Amino acid sequence: MDNTEIHYLTYDPDAIWEDMMLNYVEAGGDILYPGDEKDMLLRSVQADIVQVFAGVDNALRMQTLRYAVGPYLDLIGERRNCERITASPATAQVTITAKEAFTLPEGSTMTADGQVFYQTKEDIALTGNQLTATIEVECTEDGITGNGLTVGTALSLSKSDYEKYISSIVSATDASGGNEEEDDDTYRERIRLHGLIALTSGPKGQYEAMAKTVSSDIVDAEALGHTDMTDIPEGEVWVYLIFASDTGKAAVINSVLEKLSAKDTRPLTDKVSVKEATAIPYAIDVQYACDNSSEIVSAVNDAVSTYQKWQDSVIGRPFNPDLLMASMYQAGCTRVKWGSSSTYNGTNTIAYTEIKPNERCKGTVTLHSMT
């Protein structure tokens, strides 16, 4: 896609002032000097014109998928039946076994580690006839943190008032459903791909677009078949994922598999599997020289962050340290070289390398200024 910056109106203050002066003189006005009352008046008019032009230009840009942000991007998504993934808490099933009859009130909190808490959504009555109950609990905070609870984990009540009645609390399922609010860039790309979801012929793009609707923690999805990898049997589709964090990955994989296995999503001939993309590790020790001004150091750090996001966020993207070196030179470095401790996939060779379609690069970049 052409990334040329597009504006519907130009509002350069100097250009507007030149046009105003030209029209003023042509209309019979005299030459103005700084401090002149007419000059000050026209300067205030110029400022108003610039603000109006900028506002109209921004309003027009907010109607486009490329430039819309925040609520304006939400409106575009709504028109395309693709809503933003909002922040939501994780939920899980837990089994409570009581020593004697009692009622656990709604809002009672429990935890496995003292940091992440889950609460009951209603009063739980444990009677003499039924001292065991499996209930749904909800994380007290929105986000993916709550997805970390795994099946079989023991929990305890955060308040001791009811602890004497409890024999055990054990998670009966993995926690799932916790999401961070989807950021604008991720949402924009998902809107762009959303039209593929309506297809039911099982194309590559449809599987990938549908997978990304499950959780904001999914950074990338890649659907592969036998023609992409001979290890994949014919008639099967393996969907690989990259996650923003390690919390609750198993639950998200199961949710994606359920989503992609629905009859209105896949053809009857496809057998779908969902897996995490294989991580290829790298650690680049960068030795660099520059004039050490705050602007250049900041630009170098930004170049490194941009490179890592680019390198690590796409399945099948080749390892390309050349791009990192070029970006650092563009940021203002006078010399860049790889340190002897740099590694890629267990070797000391730092060079452009193709990877398999189900793999992704994941690593670190450490900066050391040359003395």
Protein backbone atom coordinates (compact mmCIF):
# COMPACT_ATOMS: atom_id res chain seq x y z
CA MET A 1 0.00 0.00 0.00
CA ASP A 2 1.24 3.50 -0.85
CA ASN A 3 2.07 5.20 2.45
CA THR A 4 2.16 8.73 0.99
CA GLU A 5 0.62 11.16 3.47
CA ILE A 6 -2.66 12.44 2.02
CA HIS A 7 -4.41 15.68 2.95
CA TYR A 8 -7.66 16.97 1.52
CA LEU A 9 -6.76 20.61 2.20
CA THR A 10 -3.43 22.39 2.45
CA TYR A 11 -3.09 24.89 5.27
CA ASP A 12 0.51 26.07 5.31
CA PRO A 13 0.37 29.39 7.25
CA ASP A 14 3.03 31.08 5.08
CA ALA A 15 1.30 30.09 1.83
CA ILE A 16 -2.05 31.32 3.15
CA TRP A 17 -0.48 34.62 4.23
CA GLU A 18 1.08 35.14 0.80
CA ASP A 19 -2.30 34.57 -0.87
CA MET A 20 -3.95 36.97 1.56
CA MET A 21 -1.36 39.68 0.88
CA LEU A 22 -1.61 39.19 -2.87
CA ASN A 23 -5.41 39.55 -2.77
CA TYR A 24 -5.14 42.50 -0.37
CA VAL A 25 -2.76 44.41 -2.62
CA GLU A 26 -4.75 43.58 -5.77
CA ALA A 27 -7.83 44.97 -4.03
CA GLY A 28 -6.03 48.28 -3.52
CA GLY A 29 -4.49 47.78 -0.11
CA ASP A 30 -1.21 49.42 0.81
CA ILE A 31 1.99 47.71 1.94
CA LEU A 32 1.77 46.55 5.55
CA TYR A 33 4.54 46.59 8.13
CA PRO A 34 4.80 44.70 11.46
CA GLY A 35 2.84 46.51 14.15
CA ASP A 36 0.38 48.00 11.69
CA GLU A 37 -3.22 47.61 12.91
CA LYS A 38 -4.25 46.17 9.55
CA ASP A 39 -1.36 43.70 9.68
CA MET A 40 -2.40 42.53 13.16
CA LEU A 41 -6.01 42.20 12.04
CA LEU A 42 -5.10 40.14 8.98
CA ARG A 43 -2.76 37.98 11.07
CA SER A 44 -5.67 37.07 13.35
CA VAL A 45 -7.78 36.25 10.28
CA GLN A 46 -4.91 34.12 8.95
CA ALA A 47 -4.81 32.12 12.22
CA ASP A 48 -8.57 31.50 12.02
CA ILE A 49 -8.32 30.35 8.40
CA VAL A 50 -5.48 27.94 9.23
CA GLN A 51 -7.48 26.43 12.11
CA VAL A 52 -10.62 26.06 9.98
CA PHE A 53 -8.72 24.43 7.11
CA ALA A 54 -6.91 22.09 9.51
CA GLY A 55 -10.18 21.14 11.19
CA VAL A 56 -11.94 20.40 7.89
CA ASP A 57 -8.94 18.39 6.65
CA ASN A 58 -8.85 16.36 9.85
CA ALA A 59 -12.62 15.73 9.73
CA LEU A 60 -12.33 14.40 6.17
CA ARG A 61 -9.36 12.20 7.09
CA MET A 62 -11.30 10.77 10.04
CA GLN A 63 -13.78 9.33 7.52
CA THR A 64 -11.10 7.13 5.95
CA LEU A 65 -9.84 3.78 7.22
CA ARG A 66 -6.22 4.80 6.82
CA TYR A 67 -6.34 7.86 9.09
CA ALA A 68 -9.32 7.37 11.41
CA VAL A 69 -8.51 6.92 15.11
CA GLY A 70 -10.44 6.31 18.30
CA PRO A 71 -14.22 6.71 18.05
CA TYR A 72 -13.98 7.67 14.36
CA LEU A 73 -12.35 4.32 13.61
CA ASP A 74 -15.08 2.64 15.69
CA LEU A 75 -17.70 4.22 13.42
CA ILE A 76 -16.00 2.84 10.31
CA GLY A 77 -15.85 -0.60 11.94
CA GLU A 78 -19.55 -0.44 12.84
CA ARG A 79 -20.46 0.33 9.23
CA ARG A 80 -18.58 -2.81 8.19
CA ASN A 81 -20.02 -4.97 11.02
CA CYS A 82 -16.57 -5.29 12.57
CA GLU A 83 -16.57 -4.02 16.13
CA ARG A 84 -13.46 -3.28 18.17
CA ILE A 85 -12.43 -5.95 20.69
CA THR A 86 -13.10 -4.27 24.03
CA ALA A 87 -11.41 -4.89 27.35
CA SER A 88 -13.06 -7.77 29.18
CA PRO A 89 -12.31 -9.93 32.24
CA ALA A 90 -11.35 -13.58 32.08
CA THR A 91 -13.77 -16.19 33.41
CA ALA A 92 -13.25 -19.73 34.67
CA GLN A 93 -15.10 -22.58 36.32
CA VAL A 94 -14.02 -23.50 39.85
CA THR A 95 -15.14 -26.36 42.06
CA ILE A 96 -15.78 -25.45 45.70
CA THR A 97 -15.96 -28.20 48.31
CA ALA A 98 -17.28 -27.21 51.74
CA LYS A 99 -16.77 -28.81 55.15
CA GLU A 100 -20.27 -27.84 56.23
CA ALA A 101 -23.30 -26.00 54.93
CA PHE A 102 -22.93 -22.24 54.35
CA THR A 103 -23.60 -19.57 51.73
CA LEU A 104 -20.75 -17.86 49.94
CA PRO A 105 -22.00 -14.38 49.04
CA GLU A 106 -21.84 -12.77 45.62
CA GLY A 107 -18.62 -10.83 45.09
CA SER A 108 -16.47 -13.11 47.26
CA THR A 109 -12.93 -13.07 45.90
CA MET A 110 -10.38 -15.86 45.61
CA THR A 111 -6.83 -16.08 44.34
CA ALA A 112 -4.14 -18.59 43.47
CA ASP A 113 -1.13 -16.30 43.80
CA GLY A 114 -2.24 -13.29 45.84
CA GLN A 115 -1.99 -11.02 42.80
CA VAL A 116 -4.82 -11.95 40.42
CA PHE A 117 -8.28 -12.25 41.97
CA TYR A 118 -11.52 -13.85 40.79
CA GLN A 119 -14.96 -13.16 42.21
CA THR A 120 -18.24 -15.03 42.44
CA LYS A 121 -21.07 -13.63 40.32
CA GLU A 122 -23.91 -14.73 42.62
CA ASP A 123 -24.59 -16.19 46.05
CA ILE A 124 -23.45 -19.81 46.28
CA ALA A 125 -25.50 -21.96 48.66
CA LEU A 126 -23.66 -25.09 49.82
CA THR A 127 -26.14 -27.18 51.78
CA GLY A 128 -25.95 -30.40 53.73
CA ASN A 129 -27.13 -32.29 50.64
CA GLN A 130 -24.76 -30.54 48.25
CA LEU A 131 -21.42 -29.54 49.73
CA THR A 132 -19.69 -29.36 46.34
CA ALA A 133 -20.51 -26.87 43.62
CA THR A 134 -18.89 -25.91 40.29
CA ILE A 135 -19.45 -22.25 39.56
CA GLU A 136 -18.24 -19.54 37.22
CA VAL A 137 -15.95 -16.85 38.59
CA GLU A 138 -14.78 -13.67 36.89
CA CYS A 139 -11.47 -11.87 37.17
CA THR A 140 -11.75 -8.60 39.06
CA GLU A 141 -9.70 -6.80 36.38
CA ASP A 142 -10.10 -6.57 32.62
CA GLY A 143 -7.28 -7.86 30.45
CA ILE A 144 -5.27 -10.93 29.58
CA THR A 145 -3.73 -11.28 33.04
CA GLY A 146 -6.73 -13.25 34.24
CA ASN A 147 -6.22 -15.87 31.52
CA GLY A 148 -3.28 -17.30 33.46
CA LEU A 149 -5.37 -19.55 35.72
CA THR A 150 -5.03 -23.17 34.56
CA VAL A 151 -7.18 -26.21 35.28
CA GLY A 152 -6.34 -27.98 38.54
CA THR A 153 -4.93 -24.89 40.26
CA ALA A 154 -5.77 -24.52 43.94
CA LEU A 155 -7.24 -21.20 45.10
CA SER A 156 -8.07 -19.70 48.46
CA LEU A 157 -10.52 -17.05 49.57
CA SER A 158 -8.99 -13.62 49.98
CA LYS A 159 -10.99 -13.01 53.18
CA SER A 160 -10.71 -15.40 56.10
CA ASP A 161 -14.34 -15.03 57.23
CA TYR A 162 -15.46 -18.04 55.21
CA GLU A 163 -12.19 -19.96 55.07
CA LYS A 164 -13.24 -22.18 58.00
CA TYR A 165 -16.09 -23.56 55.89
CA ILE A 166 -13.92 -24.39 52.87
CA SER A 167 -12.28 -27.75 52.27
CA SER A 168 -10.89 -26.84 48.84
CA ILE A 169 -11.29 -24.57 45.82
CA VAL A 170 -9.86 -25.90 42.56
CA SER A 171 -10.14 -24.50 39.05
CA ALA A 172 -12.17 -26.87 36.87
CA THR A 173 -11.25 -25.13 33.58
CA ASP A 174 -8.59 -22.84 32.20
CA ALA A 175 -9.48 -19.18 32.51
CA SER A 176 -10.28 -17.55 29.17
CA GLY A 177 -11.92 -14.55 27.57
CA GLY A 178 -9.75 -11.86 29.13
CA ASN A 179 -8.91 -9.17 26.57
CA GLU A 180 -7.12 -5.86 26.44
CA GLU A 181 -8.84 -3.19 24.39
CA GLU A 182 -7.73 -3.48 20.77
CA ASP A 183 -5.40 -0.67 19.71
CA ASP A 184 -6.13 1.43 16.63
CA ASP A 185 -3.49 -0.08 14.32
CA THR A 186 -4.52 -3.67 15.06
CA TYR A 187 -8.21 -2.81 14.74
CA ARG A 188 -7.62 -0.95 11.47
CA GLU A 189 -5.92 -3.99 9.92
CA ARG A 190 -8.69 -6.30 11.13
CA ILE A 191 -11.34 -4.03 9.57
CA ARG A 192 -9.38 -4.18 6.32
CA LEU A 193 -9.45 -7.99 6.39
CA HIS A 194 -12.97 -8.34 7.75
CA GLY A 195 -14.62 -8.78 4.36
CA LEU A 196 -12.90 -12.13 4.02
CA ILE A 197 -14.86 -13.52 6.98
CA ALA A 198 -18.04 -13.59 4.92
CA LEU A 199 -16.45 -16.18 2.62
CA THR A 200 -17.17 -19.82 3.46
CA SER A 201 -14.96 -21.50 0.87
CA GLY A 202 -12.13 -21.74 3.36
CA PRO A 203 -9.55 -19.35 1.89
CA LYS A 204 -6.33 -18.57 3.71
CA GLY A 205 -7.35 -14.98 4.45
CA GLN A 206 -10.69 -15.99 5.91
CA TYR A 207 -9.15 -18.29 8.50
CA GLU A 208 -6.62 -15.63 9.49
CA ALA A 209 -9.19 -12.84 9.73
CA MET A 210 -11.55 -14.99 11.79
CA ALA A 211 -8.77 -16.07 14.17
CA LYS A 212 -7.86 -12.45 14.93
CA THR A 213 -11.42 -11.68 16.08
CA VAL A 214 -11.08 -14.07 19.04
CA SER A 215 -8.64 -12.11 21.21
CA SER A 216 -6.72 -8.85 21.22
CA ASP A 217 -3.75 -10.92 22.43
CA ILE A 218 -3.34 -12.43 18.94
CA VAL A 219 -0.66 -10.44 17.10
CA ASP A 220 -0.65 -12.46 13.87
CA ALA A 221 -2.29 -15.54 12.35
CA GLU A 222 -1.09 -17.64 9.44
CA ALA A 223 -3.18 -20.38 7.80
CA LEU A 224 -1.15 -23.07 6.02
CA GLY A 225 -2.05 -26.10 3.96
CA HIS A 226 -0.32 -28.98 2.20
CA THR A 227 0.90 -26.73 -0.62
CA ASP A 228 2.65 -24.50 1.94
CA MET A 229 4.20 -27.31 4.01
CA THR A 230 4.36 -30.93 2.94
CA ASP A 231 4.19 -31.96 6.62
CA ILE A 232 0.55 -30.87 6.61
CA PRO A 233 -1.74 -33.64 5.27
CA GLU A 234 -3.97 -32.80 2.34
CA GLY A 235 -7.39 -31.61 3.41
CA GLU A 236 -6.05 -30.10 6.64
CA VAL A 237 -5.48 -26.47 7.58
CA TRP A 238 -3.05 -25.59 10.35
CA VAL A 239 -3.45 -22.09 11.72
CA TYR A 240 -0.42 -20.67 13.52
CA LEU A 241 -0.60 -17.78 15.99
CA ILE A 242 1.66 -15.19 17.58
CA PHE A 243 0.64 -13.93 21.03
CA ALA A 244 1.36 -10.59 22.67
CA SER A 245 1.97 -12.37 26.00
CA ASP A 246 2.42 -15.87 27.38
CA THR A 247 -0.60 -15.63 29.67
CA GLY A 248 -3.50 -17.96 28.87
CA LYS A 249 -2.24 -19.05 25.45
CA ALA A 250 -3.80 -22.53 25.70
CA ALA A 251 -7.25 -21.06 26.36
CA VAL A 252 -6.95 -18.68 23.40
CA ILE A 253 -5.85 -21.53 21.13
CA ASN A 254 -8.89 -23.55 22.16
CA SER A 255 -11.15 -20.54 21.54
CA VAL A 256 -9.68 -20.00 18.08
CA LEU A 257 -10.10 -23.69 17.24
CA GLU A 258 -13.74 -23.55 18.32
CA LYS A 259 -14.28 -20.41 16.22
CA LEU A 260 -12.66 -21.88 13.11
CA SER A 261 -14.38 -25.25 13.44
CA ALA A 262 -17.88 -23.82 13.24
CA LYS A 263 -19.89 -25.13 10.28
CA ASP A 264 -20.44 -21.63 8.88
CA THR A 265 -16.70 -20.94 8.94
CA ARG A 266 -14.95 -23.92 7.37
CA PRO A 267 -15.76 -26.20 4.45
CA LEU A 268 -16.77 -29.74 5.42
CA THR A 269 -13.59 -31.07 3.79
CA ASP A 270 -11.20 -29.05 5.98
CA LYS A 271 -9.81 -30.35 9.26
CA VAL A 272 -8.55 -27.36 11.22
CA SER A 273 -5.76 -27.35 13.81
CA VAL A 274 -4.52 -24.32 15.74
CA LYS A 275 -0.95 -24.03 17.04
CA GLU A 276 1.49 -21.45 18.30
CA ALA A 277 4.08 -20.41 15.73
CA THR A 278 7.54 -21.86 16.39
CA ALA A 279 9.84 -19.17 17.80
CA ILE A 280 13.29 -18.80 16.25
CA PRO A 281 15.46 -17.02 18.85
CA TYR A 282 17.95 -14.27 18.19
CA ALA A 283 20.00 -11.94 20.37
CA ILE A 284 21.78 -9.09 18.61
CA ASP A 285 24.50 -7.24 20.48
CA VAL A 286 24.80 -3.95 18.61
CA GLN A 287 27.97 -1.89 18.88
CA TYR A 288 27.33 1.62 17.55
CA ALA A 289 28.84 5.08 17.39
CA CYS A 290 27.11 8.45 17.04
CA ASP A 291 27.53 12.02 18.32
CA ASN A 292 25.52 11.07 21.44
CA SER A 293 23.13 14.01 21.15
CA SER A 294 19.82 13.36 22.86
CA GLU A 295 17.95 13.59 19.54
CA ILE A 296 20.10 10.98 17.81
CA VAL A 297 20.16 8.62 20.80
CA SER A 298 16.37 8.82 20.96
CA ALA A 299 16.13 8.19 17.21
CA VAL A 300 18.42 5.16 17.52
CA ASN A 301 16.32 3.71 20.33
CA ASP A 302 13.15 4.28 18.29
CA ALA A 303 14.75 2.56 15.28
CA VAL A 304 15.56 -0.49 17.39
CA SER A 305 12.04 -0.66 18.85
CA THR A 306 10.48 -0.32 15.41
CA TYR A 307 12.72 -3.04 14.01
CA GLN A 308 11.92 -5.49 16.81
CA LYS A 309 8.18 -4.96 16.39
CA TRP A 310 8.54 -5.44 12.64
CA GLN A 311 10.76 -8.51 12.95
CA ASP A 312 8.87 -10.33 15.70
CA SER A 313 5.23 -9.68 14.81
CA VAL A 314 4.77 -11.58 11.52
CA ILE A 315 4.82 -15.35 10.98
CA GLY A 316 7.17 -16.47 8.21
CA ARG A 317 9.02 -13.15 7.98
CA PRO A 318 12.73 -13.78 7.23
CA PHE A 319 15.35 -12.76 9.78
CA ASN A 320 16.69 -9.49 8.39
CA PRO A 321 19.32 -7.76 10.56
CA ASP A 322 20.35 -5.69 7.53
CA LEU A 323 17.19 -3.63 8.03
CA LEU A 324 18.19 -2.93 11.64
CA MET A 325 21.63 -1.73 10.58
CA ALA A 326 20.18 0.47 7.82
CA SER A 327 17.63 1.98 10.22
CA MET A 328 20.33 2.83 12.76
CA TYR A 329 22.43 4.56 10.10
CA GLN A 330 19.36 6.52 9.02
CA ALA A 331 18.81 7.49 12.67
CA GLY A 332 22.25 9.13 12.76
CA CYS A 333 24.78 6.43 13.66
CA THR A 334 28.23 6.81 12.12
CA ARG A 335 29.19 3.18 12.66
CA VAL A 336 27.25 -0.02 13.42
CA LYS A 337 28.53 -3.56 13.89
CA TRP A 338 27.38 -6.79 15.53
CA GLY A 339 29.10 -7.80 18.76
CA SER A 340 30.75 -11.22 19.11
CA SER A 341 28.07 -12.40 21.54
CA SER A 342 25.30 -12.00 18.96
CA THR A 343 23.41 -15.21 18.12
CA TYR A 344 20.71 -16.41 15.77
CA ASN A 345 19.04 -19.78 16.31
CA GLY A 346 22.03 -21.18 18.16
CA THR A 347 24.68 -19.85 15.76
CA ASN A 348 26.85 -16.74 15.69
CA THR A 349 25.84 -15.91 12.11
CA ILE A 350 23.91 -12.65 11.96
CA ALA A 351 22.73 -12.43 8.37
CA TYR A 352 19.56 -12.45 6.30
CA THR A 353 17.94 -15.88 6.75
CA GLU A 354 14.71 -17.34 5.39
CA ILE A 355 12.52 -19.20 7.89
CA LYS A 356 9.74 -21.76 7.53
CA PRO A 357 6.14 -20.54 6.98
CA ASN A 358 5.12 -21.70 10.49
CA GLU A 359 8.01 -19.98 12.27
CA ARG A 360 8.50 -16.48 13.62
CA CYS A 361 11.55 -14.66 14.89
CA LYS A 362 11.59 -13.62 18.53
CA GLY A 363 14.56 -12.04 20.19
CA THR A 364 16.33 -9.13 21.79
CA VAL A 365 18.49 -6.24 20.65
CA THR A 366 21.03 -4.82 23.11
CA LEU A 367 22.75 -1.52 22.42
CA HIS A 368 26.34 -0.73 23.45
CA SER A 369 27.91 2.60 22.59
CA MET A 370 31.45 2.41 21.23
CA THR A 371 34.01 4.21 23.34
